[in-house]
Every structure is written in C-alpha cells, then in structure tokens.
C-alpha cells in the first residue's frame, strides 16, 4: 500500500514539475534559458528546504 502511494505521489509531483517548466518557458519566450535556470534553481531550493 505504501509503495503504491509513494509511486503515485512521485508521478503526480513529476508531472507537475513538467507542466510548471512548460508554463515558465512559454511565459518568457525571449528568455527561455533564464526562465529555465530560475525553474531549476527554485526546484532545487524547494528540495533543500523540504528535506530533513
């Protein structure tokens, strides 16, 4: 049961990251590299803050 829950949450979280990255780069078409670097930086920050 716990394994299924973890796999489902992992899939949901990963799909959310992909959608967020697409939205971010679509919002700034003239600066896609900068938008992508912001996305990666804040994703890493979120992992750092969320990990014990």
PDB file of N, CA and C in Angstrom:
ATOM      1  N   UNK A   1       0.823  -1.200   0.000  1.00  0.00           N
ATOM      2  CA  UNK A   1       0.000   0.000   0.000  1.00  0.00           C
ATOM      3  C   UNK A   1       0.871   1.269   0.000  1.00  0.00           C
ATOM      4  N   UNK A   2       1.883   1.289   0.860  1.00  0.00           N
ATOM      5  CA  UNK A   2       2.736   2.470   0.953  1.00  0.00           C
ATOM      6  C   UNK A   2       3.553   2.663  -0.319  1.00  0.00           C
ATOM      7  N   UNK A   3       3.964   1.567  -0.924  1.00  0.00           N
ATOM      8  CA  UNK A   3       4.744   1.652  -2.162  1.00  0.00           C
ATOM      9  C   UNK A   3       3.898   2.247  -3.283  1.00  0.00           C
ATOM     10  N   UNK A   4       2.645   1.833  -3.385  1.00  0.00           N
ATOM     11  CA  UNK A   4       1.749   2.360  -4.410  1.00  0.00           C
ATOM     12  C   UNK A   4       1.505   3.855  -4.198  1.00  0.00           C
ATOM     13  N   UNK A   5       1.329   4.246  -2.944  1.00  0.00           N
ATOM     14  CA  UNK A   5       1.118   5.659  -2.625  1.00  0.00           C
ATOM     15  C   UNK A   5       2.339   6.497  -3.004  1.00  0.00           C
ATOM     16  N   UNK A   6       3.532   6.009  -2.660  1.00  0.00           N
ATOM     17  CA  UNK A   6       4.760   6.739  -2.978  1.00  0.00           C
ATOM     18  C   UNK A   6       4.963   6.858  -4.479  1.00  0.00           C
ATOM     19  N   UNK A   7       4.692   5.789  -5.212  1.00  0.00           N
ATOM     20  CA  UNK A   7       4.833   5.840  -6.674  1.00  0.00           C
ATOM     21  C   UNK A   7       3.830   6.805  -7.288  1.00  0.00           C
ATOM     22  N   UNK A   8       2.611   6.805  -6.785  1.00  0.00           N
ATOM     23  CA  UNK A   8       1.585   7.721  -7.304  1.00  0.00           C
ATOM     24  C   UNK A   8       1.960   9.168  -7.014  1.00  0.00           C
ATOM     25  N   UNK A   9       2.387   9.438  -5.796  1.00  0.00           N
ATOM     26  CA  UNK A   9       2.775  10.809  -5.458  1.00  0.00           C
ATOM     27  C   UNK A   9       4.003  11.256  -6.248  1.00  0.00           C
ATOM     28  N   UNK A  10       4.930  10.358  -6.490  1.00  0.00           N
ATOM     29  CA  UNK A  10       6.093  10.686  -7.302  1.00  0.00           C
ATOM     30  C   UNK A  10       5.704  11.041  -8.731  1.00  0.00           C
ATOM     31  N   UNK A  11       4.766  10.281  -9.302  1.00  0.00           N
ATOM     32  CA  UNK A  11       4.300  10.560 -10.661  1.00  0.00           C
ATOM     33  C   UNK A  11       3.553  11.886 -10.724  1.00  0.00           C
ATOM     34  N   UNK A  12       2.731  12.163  -9.732  1.00  0.00           N
ATOM     35  CA  UNK A  12       1.990  13.431  -9.705  1.00  0.00           C
ATOM     36  C   UNK A  12       2.946  14.606  -9.566  1.00  0.00           C
ATOM     37  N   UNK A  13       3.914  14.480  -8.691  1.00  0.00           N
ATOM     38  CA  UNK A  13       4.884  15.561  -8.478  1.00  0.00           C
ATOM     39  C   UNK A  13       5.720  15.806  -9.737  1.00  0.00           C
ATOM     40  N   UNK A  14       6.165  14.739 -10.370  1.00  0.00           N
ATOM     41  CA  UNK A  14       6.972  14.878 -11.581  1.00  0.00           C
ATOM     42  C   UNK A  14       6.181  15.528 -12.710  1.00  0.00           C
ATOM     43  N   UNK A  15       4.929  15.133 -12.882  1.00  0.00           N
ATOM     44  CA  UNK A  15       4.119  15.751 -13.944  1.00  0.00           C
ATOM     45  C   UNK A  15       3.870  17.224 -13.634  1.00  0.00           C
ATOM     46  N   UNK A  16       3.733  17.567 -12.378  1.00  0.00           N
ATOM     47  CA  UNK A  16       3.576  18.974 -12.005  1.00  0.00           C
ATOM     48  C   UNK A  16       4.808  19.791 -12.334  1.00  0.00           C
ATOM     49  N   UNK A  17       5.987  19.214 -12.144  1.00  0.00           N
ATOM     50  CA  UNK A  17       7.218  19.924 -12.492  1.00  0.00           C
ATOM     51  C   UNK A  17       7.324  20.159 -13.994  1.00  0.00           C
ATOM     52  N   UNK A  18       6.937  19.165 -14.782  1.00  0.00           N
ATOM     53  CA  UNK A  18       6.994  19.313 -16.237  1.00  0.00           C
ATOM     54  C   UNK A  18       6.035  20.403 -16.702  1.00  0.00           C
ATOM     55  N   UNK A  19       4.824  20.397 -16.181  1.00  0.00           N
ATOM     56  CA  UNK A  19       3.840  21.425 -16.548  1.00  0.00           C
ATOM     57  C   UNK A  19       4.331  22.805 -16.121  1.00  0.00           C
ATOM     58  N   UNK A  20       4.894  22.911 -14.934  1.00  0.00           N
ATOM     59  CA  UNK A  20       5.409  24.198 -14.456  1.00  0.00           C
ATOM     60  C   UNK A  20       6.531  24.719 -15.345  1.00  0.00           C
ATOM     61  N   UNK A  21       7.407  23.831 -15.780  1.00  0.00           N
ATOM     62  CA  UNK A  21       8.502  24.250 -16.647  1.00  0.00           C
ATOM     63  C   UNK A  21       7.985  24.717 -18.004  1.00  0.00           C
ATOM     64  N   UNK A  22       6.999  24.045 -18.545  1.00  0.00           N
ATOM     65  CA  UNK A  22       6.414  24.462 -19.823  1.00  0.00           C
ATOM     66  C   UNK A  22       5.755  25.826 -19.678  1.00  0.00           C
ATOM     67  N   UNK A  23       5.017  26.040 -18.597  1.00  0.00           N
ATOM     68  CA  UNK A  23       4.371  27.349 -18.374  1.00  0.00           C
ATOM     69  C   UNK A  23       5.417  28.450 -18.231  1.00  0.00           C
ATOM     70  N   UNK A  24       6.471  28.151 -17.501  1.00  0.00           N
ATOM     71  CA  UNK A  24       7.512  29.161 -17.266  1.00  0.00           C
ATOM     72  C   UNK A  24       8.187  29.563 -18.568  1.00  0.00           C
ATOM     73  N   UNK A  25       8.566  28.603 -19.398  1.00  0.00           N
ATOM     74  CA  UNK A  25       9.248  28.940 -20.647  1.00  0.00           C
ATOM     75  C   UNK A  25       8.297  29.548 -21.668  1.00  0.00           C
ATOM     76  N   UNK A  26       7.017  29.221 -21.611  1.00  0.00           N
ATOM     77  CA  UNK A  26       6.047  29.817 -22.533  1.00  0.00           C
ATOM     78  C   UNK A  26       5.771  31.275 -22.174  1.00  0.00           C
ATOM     79  N   UNK A  27       5.909  31.615 -20.909  1.00  0.00           N
ATOM     80  CA  UNK A  27       5.653  32.979 -20.468  1.00  0.00           C
ATOM     81  C   UNK A  27       6.756  33.929 -20.908  1.00  0.00           C
ATOM     82  N   UNK A  28       7.968  33.414 -21.004  1.00  0.00           N
ATOM     83  CA  UNK A  28       9.111  34.254 -21.382  1.00  0.00           C
ATOM     84  C   UNK A  28       9.805  33.674 -22.618  1.00  0.00           C
ATOM     85  N   UNK A  29       9.194  33.791 -23.800  1.00  0.00           N
ATOM     86  CA  UNK A  29       9.799  33.167 -24.984  1.00  0.00           C
ATOM     87  C   UNK A  29      11.122  33.804 -25.401  1.00  0.00           C
ATOM     88  N   UNK A  30      11.341  35.055 -25.034  1.00  0.00           N
ATOM     89  CA  UNK A  30      12.591  35.716 -25.420  1.00  0.00           C
ATOM     90  C   UNK A  30      13.732  35.403 -24.460  1.00  0.00           C
ATOM     91  N   UNK A  31      13.436  34.806 -23.329  1.00  0.00           N
ATOM     92  CA  UNK A  31      14.474  34.491 -22.333  1.00  0.00           C
ATOM     93  C   UNK A  31      14.256  33.089 -21.773  1.00  0.00           C
ATOM     94  N   UNK A  32      14.191  32.105 -22.643  1.00  0.00           N
ATOM     95  CA  UNK A  32      13.901  30.749 -22.193  1.00  0.00           C
ATOM     96  C   UNK A  32      15.010  30.166 -21.321  1.00  0.00           C
ATOM     97  N   UNK A  33      16.264  30.478 -21.629  1.00  0.00           N
ATOM     98  CA  UNK A  33      17.355  29.952 -20.807  1.00  0.00           C
ATOM     99  C   UNK A  33      17.300  30.515 -19.389  1.00  0.00           C
ATOM    100  N   UNK A  34      16.988  31.801 -19.288  1.00  0.00           N
ATOM    101  CA  UNK A  34      16.885  32.423 -17.965  1.00  0.00           C
ATOM    102  C   UNK A  34      15.706  31.849 -17.187  1.00  0.00           C
ATOM    103  N   UNK A  35      14.570  31.683 -17.864  1.00  0.00           N
ATOM    104  CA  UNK A  35      13.396  31.104 -17.203  1.00  0.00           C
ATOM    105  C   UNK A  35      13.678  29.678 -16.751  1.00  0.00           C
ATOM    106  N   UNK A  36      14.372  28.922 -17.570  1.00  0.00           N
ATOM    107  CA  UNK A  36      14.708  27.550 -17.199  1.00  0.00           C
ATOM    108  C   UNK A  36      15.669  27.513 -16.013  1.00  0.00           C
ATOM    109  N   UNK A  37      16.621  28.438 -15.978  1.00  0.00           N
ATOM    110  CA  UNK A  37      17.546  28.465 -14.846  1.00  0.00           C
ATOM    111  C   UNK A  37      16.833  28.846 -13.549  1.00  0.00           C
ATOM    112  N   UNK A  38      15.860  29.756 -13.638  1.00  0.00           N
ATOM    113  CA  UNK A  38      15.063  30.081 -12.452  1.00  0.00           C
ATOM    114  C   UNK A  38      14.270  28.871 -11.976  1.00  0.00           C
ATOM    115  N   UNK A  39      13.690  28.149 -12.932  1.00  0.00           N
ATOM    116  CA  UNK A  39      12.913  26.960 -12.589  1.00  0.00           C
ATOM    117  C   UNK A  39      13.777  25.941 -11.857  1.00  0.00           C
ATOM    118  N   UNK A  40      14.942  25.652 -12.402  1.00  0.00           N
ATOM    119  CA  UNK A  40      15.825  24.660 -11.794  1.00  0.00           C
ATOM    120  C   UNK A  40      16.313  25.140 -10.425  1.00  0.00           C
ATOM    121  N   UNK A  41      16.652  26.416 -10.317  1.00  0.00           N
ATOM    122  CA  UNK A  41      17.141  26.949  -9.038  1.00  0.00           C
ATOM    123  C   UNK A  41      16.088  26.851  -7.952  1.00  0.00           C
ATOM    124  N   UNK A  42      14.861  27.246  -8.260  1.00  0.00           N
ATOM    125  CA  UNK A  42      13.821  27.205  -7.236  1.00  0.00           C
ATOM    126  C   UNK A  42      13.350  25.782  -6.954  1.00  0.00           C
ATOM    127  N   UNK A  43      13.437  24.901  -7.940  1.00  0.00           N
ATOM    128  CA  UNK A  43      13.134  23.497  -7.673  1.00  0.00           C
ATOM    129  C   UNK A  43      14.150  22.909  -6.705  1.00  0.00           C
ATOM    130  N   UNK A  44      15.419  23.212  -6.925  1.00  0.00           N
ATOM    131  CA  UNK A  44      16.467  22.743  -6.008  1.00  0.00           C
ATOM    132  C   UNK A  44      16.308  23.353  -4.619  1.00  0.00           C
ATOM    133  N   UNK A  45      15.925  24.609  -4.556  1.00  0.00           N
ATOM    134  CA  UNK A  45      15.699  25.255  -3.269  1.00  0.00           C
ATOM    135  C   UNK A  45      14.541  24.573  -2.521  1.00  0.00           C
ATOM    136  N   UNK A  46      13.492  24.236  -3.251  1.00  0.00           N
ATOM    137  CA  UNK A  46      12.364  23.550  -2.630  1.00  0.00           C
ATOM    138  C   UNK A  46      12.748  22.181  -2.082  1.00  0.00           C
ATOM    139  N   UNK A  47      13.588  21.472  -2.818  1.00  0.00           N
ATOM    140  CA  UNK A  47      14.070  20.173  -2.327  1.00  0.00           C
ATOM    141  C   UNK A  47      14.927  20.369  -1.085  1.00  0.00           C
ATOM    142  N   UNK A  48      15.786  21.371  -1.101  1.00  0.00           N
ATOM    143  CA  UNK A  48      16.661  21.650   0.047  1.00  0.00           C
ATOM    144  C   UNK A  48      15.854  22.006   1.290  1.00  0.00           C
ATOM    145  N   UNK A  49      14.854  22.850   1.124  1.00  0.00           N
ATOM    146  CA  UNK A  49      14.037  23.257   2.271  1.00  0.00           C
ATOM    147  C   UNK A  49      13.176  22.094   2.773  1.00  0.00           C
ATOM    148  N   UNK A  50      12.695  21.278   1.847  1.00  0.00           N
ATOM    149  CA  UNK A  50      11.798  20.194   2.228  1.00  0.00           C
ATOM    150  C   UNK A  50      12.470  18.951   2.771  1.00  0.00           C
ATOM    151  N   UNK A  51      13.779  18.842   2.582  1.00  0.00           N
ATOM    152  CA  UNK A  51      14.461  17.632   3.072  1.00  0.00           C
ATOM    153  C   UNK A  51      14.975  17.867   4.502  1.00  0.00           C
ATOM    154  N   UNK A  52      14.872  16.843   5.308  1.00  0.00           N
ATOM    155  CA  UNK A  52      15.310  16.999   6.704  1.00  0.00           C
ATOM    156  C   UNK A  52      16.808  17.080   6.848  1.00  0.00           C
TER     157      UNK A  52
END
